[in-house]
Amino acid sequence: MFLGYNTNGLAHHELFDAVQLVADLGYRGIALTIDHGVLSPRAAATADQLEQLRRTLRAAGLRSVIETGARFLLDPRRKHEPTLVSPRIEDRRRRIEFYRHAIRCAQRLESRCVSIWSGAVREEAADADLFARLIEGLEEVLNDAARQGVAIALEPEPGMFIDSQRRFAELVARFPCESLLLTLDVGHLHCQGETPIGEQVRRWKSRLVNVHLDDSVAGRHEHLLFGGGQIEFAPLVDALAEIGYSDGLYVELSRHSHIAPDAARAAFDFLDPLIRRHGHHDA
């Protein structure tokens, strides 16, 4: 396993400055949140930026994942909209086309996965209908990803339809597709009481390909600096080592861009000794 950093915590940095900063601090991976200025599907220069980024990541020795949680990329007025559970089919199509763009980016960059989520429920609807919409969209996304050799990992997110590991388990029961993998955010687990976190790691080891790291307190969905919450990270790292996890642990401090260089440095200094105990940082 190795440490990475998410560009959503570097929102005030130019993309290539952000990549260089992450590499200089000692991280070995970067989570690229597609957004305005970062591989945007709305930008005419995306193909050129993608090729330059491919070369830059390779030169810096950084592995990557693609994240799709930008707040206002697809709709300037509605955060995180539209989604795979939006009521209008044309809105769901917009989300699917965005995921197809993310898959193309991941294929070109040889990224480990594209991380997605279900979306929030904005209207009264039965669970059966919402699952049907979600599964229909997932089938198309997974098929497109398979054709391009890209993995898809769904992240349970508080406030969304698939908001927890319990709901993810329900999705897997209804849609037992082995190619649907998992992004696990440890802060989400802690704030919602899905603990011990190590047990979740062991339970989902066959699907786990992407881990988000942030500190958290019970009952509050807020990404905190390390040491500012209640999570014990040593048992988490021990559990990941136990299952042989070899992918990235990506720091996600999306509300700390105003202090990004200090936040990224402090996160690395906090987490790196825990990783090195298992001899995994440069794995």
Protein backbone atom coordinates (compact mmCIF):
# COMPACT_ATOMS: atom_id res chain seq x y z
CA MET A 1 0.00 0.00 0.00
CA PHE A 2 1.09 3.58 -0.51
CA LEU A 3 -0.02 7.12 0.27
CA GLY A 4 -1.68 9.47 -2.19
CA TYR A 5 -3.41 12.85 -2.11
CA ASN A 6 -6.66 14.01 -3.71
CA THR A 7 -6.63 17.09 -5.94
CA ASN A 8 -9.94 18.20 -4.44
CA GLY A 9 -7.78 19.36 -1.53
CA LEU A 10 -5.61 21.39 -3.92
CA ALA A 11 -8.38 23.43 -5.52
CA HIS A 12 -6.35 26.64 -5.57
CA HIS A 13 -3.37 25.05 -7.32
CA GLU A 14 -2.84 24.69 -11.05
CA LEU A 15 -3.00 20.99 -11.91
CA PHE A 16 0.64 20.44 -12.73
CA ASP A 17 1.79 22.49 -9.75
CA ALA A 18 -0.42 20.24 -7.62
CA VAL A 19 1.12 17.09 -9.10
CA GLN A 20 4.62 18.38 -8.41
CA LEU A 21 3.75 19.34 -4.86
CA VAL A 22 2.29 15.91 -4.11
CA ALA A 23 5.36 14.17 -5.54
CA ASP A 24 7.82 16.48 -3.72
CA LEU A 25 6.15 15.76 -0.37
CA GLY A 26 6.78 12.03 -0.82
CA TYR A 27 3.37 10.77 -1.89
CA ARG A 28 3.34 7.93 -4.41
CA GLY A 29 -0.15 8.42 -5.74
CA ILE A 30 -2.61 11.11 -6.72
CA ALA A 31 -6.41 11.01 -6.85
CA LEU A 32 -7.47 13.19 -9.76
CA THR A 33 -10.89 14.74 -9.17
CA ILE A 34 -12.17 15.75 -12.60
CA ASP A 35 -13.27 19.37 -12.30
CA HIS A 36 -12.97 22.77 -13.91
CA GLY A 37 -9.28 22.88 -14.82
CA VAL A 38 -8.70 19.16 -14.24
CA LEU A 39 -9.55 16.99 -17.28
CA SER A 40 -12.91 18.72 -17.65
CA PRO A 41 -15.14 17.20 -20.33
CA ARG A 42 -16.20 20.75 -21.15
CA ALA A 43 -12.65 21.92 -22.01
CA ALA A 44 -11.40 21.93 -25.59
CA ALA A 45 -7.85 21.21 -24.44
CA THR A 46 -8.69 18.06 -22.44
CA ALA A 47 -6.89 15.68 -24.82
CA ASP A 48 -3.69 17.74 -24.69
CA GLN A 49 -3.90 18.07 -20.90
CA LEU A 50 -4.45 14.33 -20.61
CA GLU A 51 -1.36 13.49 -22.65
CA GLN A 52 0.77 15.98 -20.73
CA LEU A 53 -0.56 14.57 -17.47
CA ARG A 54 0.24 11.01 -18.56
CA ARG A 55 3.86 11.98 -19.17
CA THR A 56 4.08 14.00 -15.95
CA LEU A 57 2.71 11.23 -13.73
CA ARG A 58 5.06 8.71 -15.28
CA ALA A 59 8.07 10.98 -14.81
CA ALA A 60 7.10 11.66 -11.18
CA GLY A 61 6.47 7.97 -10.45
CA LEU A 62 2.91 8.69 -9.30
CA ARG A 63 0.10 6.17 -9.59
CA SER A 64 -3.43 7.49 -9.90
CA VAL A 65 -7.15 6.98 -9.50
CA ILE A 66 -9.89 9.05 -11.11
CA GLU A 67 -12.45 10.66 -8.80
CA THR A 68 -15.79 12.03 -10.01
CA GLY A 69 -17.12 13.95 -7.01
CA ALA A 70 -16.73 17.53 -8.26
CA ARG A 71 -19.44 19.71 -6.74
CA PHE A 72 -20.63 21.91 -9.62
CA LEU A 73 -19.02 20.52 -12.76
CA LEU A 74 -22.17 19.27 -14.47
CA ASP A 75 -24.67 21.76 -13.02
CA PRO A 76 -23.56 25.20 -11.80
CA ARG A 77 -26.62 25.55 -9.54
CA ARG A 78 -27.09 22.08 -8.01
CA LYS A 79 -24.28 20.42 -6.08
CA HIS A 80 -23.33 16.94 -7.35
CA GLU A 81 -26.19 16.84 -9.85
CA PRO A 82 -27.33 15.10 -11.99
CA THR A 83 -26.78 11.51 -10.82
CA LEU A 84 -27.58 7.88 -11.57
CA VAL A 85 -30.75 8.16 -9.47
CA SER A 86 -32.06 11.43 -10.93
CA PRO A 87 -35.75 11.13 -11.90
CA ARG A 88 -35.33 12.27 -15.52
CA ILE A 89 -33.65 9.84 -17.89
CA GLU A 90 -31.92 12.66 -19.77
CA ASP A 91 -30.27 13.75 -16.53
CA ARG A 92 -29.12 10.22 -15.78
CA ARG A 93 -27.69 10.10 -19.33
CA ARG A 94 -25.60 13.19 -18.58
CA ARG A 95 -24.09 11.47 -15.55
CA ILE A 96 -23.40 8.30 -17.54
CA GLU A 97 -21.68 10.29 -20.29
CA PHE A 98 -19.54 11.98 -17.66
CA TYR A 99 -18.55 8.60 -16.27
CA ARG A 100 -17.68 7.47 -19.79
CA HIS A 101 -15.37 10.48 -20.05
CA ALA A 102 -13.80 9.55 -16.70
CA ILE A 103 -13.26 5.98 -17.96
CA ARG A 104 -11.48 7.27 -21.05
CA CYS A 105 -9.23 9.40 -18.84
CA ALA A 106 -8.48 6.44 -16.59
CA GLN A 107 -7.65 4.23 -19.55
CA ARG A 108 -5.21 6.78 -20.94
CA LEU A 109 -3.54 7.40 -17.57
CA GLU A 110 -3.54 3.71 -16.57
CA SER A 111 -5.37 4.71 -13.39
CA ARG A 112 -6.27 2.00 -10.90
CA CYS A 113 -9.99 2.79 -10.98
CA VAL A 114 -12.72 5.34 -11.54
CA SER A 115 -14.48 6.12 -8.26
CA ILE A 116 -18.19 6.95 -8.48
CA TRP A 117 -21.25 7.18 -6.22
CA SER A 118 -25.01 6.76 -6.45
CA GLY A 119 -26.16 10.34 -5.97
CA ALA A 120 -28.70 11.78 -3.54
CA VAL A 121 -32.47 11.26 -3.69
CA ARG A 122 -34.19 14.57 -4.47
CA GLU A 123 -37.81 13.41 -4.72
CA GLU A 124 -40.21 10.91 -3.22
CA ALA A 125 -39.54 7.53 -4.79
CA ALA A 126 -39.69 3.90 -3.76
CA ASP A 127 -36.45 2.09 -3.04
CA ALA A 128 -37.24 -0.43 -5.76
CA ASP A 129 -37.46 2.33 -8.37
CA LEU A 130 -34.26 3.97 -7.17
CA PHE A 131 -32.35 0.70 -7.22
CA ALA A 132 -33.66 0.04 -10.72
CA ARG A 133 -32.38 3.41 -11.96
CA LEU A 134 -29.03 2.93 -10.25
CA ILE A 135 -28.50 -0.62 -11.50
CA GLU A 136 -29.47 0.31 -15.04
CA GLY A 137 -26.86 3.05 -15.04
CA LEU A 138 -24.23 0.88 -13.37
CA GLU A 139 -24.67 -1.85 -15.97
CA GLU A 140 -23.90 0.58 -18.78
CA VAL A 141 -20.97 2.16 -16.95
CA LEU A 142 -19.46 -1.21 -16.01
CA ASN A 143 -19.83 -2.54 -19.54
CA ASP A 144 -18.09 0.49 -21.00
CA ALA A 145 -15.33 0.25 -18.38
CA ALA A 146 -14.81 -3.46 -19.08
CA ARG A 147 -14.32 -2.76 -22.78
CA GLN A 148 -11.53 -0.34 -21.90
CA GLY A 149 -9.97 -2.40 -19.11
CA VAL A 150 -10.90 0.07 -16.36
CA ALA A 151 -12.14 -0.79 -12.86
CA ILE A 152 -15.17 0.95 -11.34
CA ALA A 153 -15.42 1.47 -7.57
CA LEU A 154 -18.52 2.82 -5.86
CA GLU A 155 -18.14 5.00 -2.77
CA PRO A 156 -20.94 5.03 -0.17
CA GLU A 157 -21.45 8.68 0.75
CA PRO A 158 -23.49 10.09 3.66
CA GLY A 159 -26.62 11.80 2.37
CA MET A 160 -26.76 9.76 -0.84
CA PHE A 161 -28.93 6.80 -1.80
CA ILE A 162 -26.05 4.40 -1.18
CA ASP A 163 -24.88 6.14 1.97
CA SER A 164 -23.28 3.35 4.00
CA GLN A 165 -21.78 -0.12 3.86
CA ARG A 166 -25.17 -1.47 4.88
CA ARG A 167 -26.74 0.05 1.77
CA PHE A 168 -23.79 -1.05 -0.36
CA ALA A 169 -24.42 -4.61 0.83
CA GLU A 170 -28.05 -4.24 -0.22
CA LEU A 171 -26.95 -3.04 -3.65
CA VAL A 172 -24.60 -6.01 -4.02
CA ALA A 173 -27.43 -8.38 -3.04
CA ARG A 174 -29.67 -6.90 -5.74
CA PHE A 175 -26.85 -6.53 -8.28
CA PRO A 176 -24.30 -9.32 -7.61
CA CYS A 177 -21.81 -8.11 -10.21
CA GLU A 178 -18.25 -8.98 -9.20
CA SER A 179 -16.82 -6.15 -11.29
CA LEU A 180 -18.50 -3.52 -9.09
CA LEU A 181 -15.69 -2.69 -6.67
CA LEU A 182 -15.51 -0.47 -3.59
CA THR A 183 -14.05 2.86 -2.55
CA LEU A 184 -13.93 2.94 1.25
CA ASP A 185 -13.84 6.30 3.04
CA VAL A 186 -12.76 5.73 6.64
CA GLY A 187 -14.22 9.05 7.80
CA HIS A 188 -17.63 8.03 6.48
CA LEU A 189 -17.42 4.74 8.36
CA HIS A 190 -16.55 6.45 11.62
CA CYS A 191 -19.07 9.29 11.44
CA GLN A 192 -21.88 6.81 10.75
CA GLY A 193 -20.81 4.29 13.38
CA GLU A 194 -19.85 1.52 10.98
CA THR A 195 -16.99 0.43 13.19
CA PRO A 196 -14.56 -1.11 13.97
CA ILE A 197 -13.17 0.05 10.65
CA GLY A 198 -10.83 -2.93 10.47
CA GLU A 199 -13.83 -5.26 10.36
CA GLN A 200 -15.19 -3.41 7.33
CA VAL A 201 -11.81 -3.71 5.62
CA ARG A 202 -11.79 -7.47 6.20
CA ARG A 203 -15.43 -7.89 5.16
CA TRP A 204 -14.96 -6.13 1.83
CA LYS A 205 -11.42 -7.20 0.98
CA SER A 206 -12.42 -8.87 -2.30
CA ARG A 207 -13.90 -5.62 -3.66
CA LEU A 208 -11.63 -3.01 -2.07
CA VAL A 209 -9.47 -1.06 -4.55
CA ASN A 210 -9.51 2.51 -3.26
CA VAL A 211 -9.31 4.01 0.24
CA HIS A 212 -9.97 7.61 1.27
CA LEU A 213 -8.33 8.87 4.46
CA ASP A 214 -9.46 11.72 6.69
CA ASP A 215 -10.12 12.10 10.39
CA SER A 216 -13.68 12.30 11.71
CA VAL A 217 -15.89 12.46 14.79
CA ALA A 218 -18.97 10.36 15.41
CA GLY A 219 -22.23 11.73 14.03
CA ARG A 220 -20.73 14.49 11.90
CA HIS A 221 -19.83 14.24 8.21
CA GLU A 222 -16.81 16.50 8.13
CA HIS A 223 -13.34 15.72 6.80
CA LEU A 224 -10.89 16.75 9.52
CA LEU A 225 -7.13 17.09 9.69
CA PHE A 226 -5.41 14.05 11.16
CA GLY A 227 -5.41 14.19 14.93
CA GLY A 228 -8.45 16.48 14.90
CA GLY A 229 -10.94 13.61 15.15
CA GLN A 230 -11.42 10.29 16.88
CA ILE A 231 -10.15 7.68 14.42
CA GLU A 232 -7.36 5.32 15.42
CA PHE A 233 -5.41 4.82 12.22
CA ALA A 234 -2.88 2.19 13.31
CA PRO A 235 -5.52 -0.61 13.52
CA LEU A 236 -6.84 0.46 10.11
CA VAL A 237 -3.40 0.16 8.51
CA ASP A 238 -2.86 -3.16 10.31
CA ALA A 239 -6.11 -4.51 8.84
CA LEU A 240 -5.15 -3.35 5.34
CA ALA A 241 -1.77 -5.05 5.69
CA GLU A 242 -3.48 -8.20 6.94
CA ILE A 243 -5.63 -8.51 3.80
CA GLY A 244 -2.66 -7.76 1.54
CA TYR A 245 -4.01 -4.45 0.28
CA SER A 246 -1.57 -3.08 -2.30
CA ASP A 247 -3.42 -0.04 -3.67
CA GLY A 248 -3.51 3.59 -2.59
CA LEU A 249 -4.58 5.33 0.60
CA TYR A 250 -5.65 8.74 -0.67
CA VAL A 251 -5.85 11.66 1.73
CA GLU A 252 -9.09 13.58 1.11
CA LEU A 253 -9.15 17.02 2.70
CA SER A 254 -11.47 18.78 0.28
CA ARG A 255 -12.12 21.73 2.60
CA HIS A 256 -8.49 22.51 3.33
CA SER A 257 -7.34 23.83 -0.04
CA HIS A 258 -6.61 27.20 1.56
CA ILE A 259 -3.81 25.54 3.55
CA ALA A 260 -3.07 22.74 1.11
CA PRO A 261 0.77 22.62 1.29
CA ASP A 262 0.73 22.53 5.10
CA ALA A 263 -2.21 20.13 5.27
CA ALA A 264 -0.63 17.73 2.77
CA ARG A 265 2.72 17.82 4.57
CA ALA A 266 1.15 17.26 7.99
CA ALA A 267 -0.97 14.37 6.64
CA PHE A 268 2.09 12.68 5.17
CA ASP A 269 4.09 13.09 8.38
CA PHE A 270 1.19 11.61 10.38
CA LEU A 271 0.46 8.64 8.13
CA ASP A 272 3.81 7.65 6.66
CA PRO A 273 5.21 6.07 9.86
CA LEU A 274 2.11 3.87 10.10
CA ILE A 275 2.60 2.65 6.54
CA ARG A 276 6.32 2.09 6.96
CA ARG A 277 5.74 -0.20 9.95
CA HIS A 278 4.53 -2.70 7.38
CA GLY A 279 7.20 -1.86 4.81
CA HIS A 280 4.58 -0.79 2.27
CA HIS A 281 5.12 2.88 1.49
CA ASP A 282 7.10 2.28 -1.70
CA ALA A 283 5.34 -0.98 -2.58
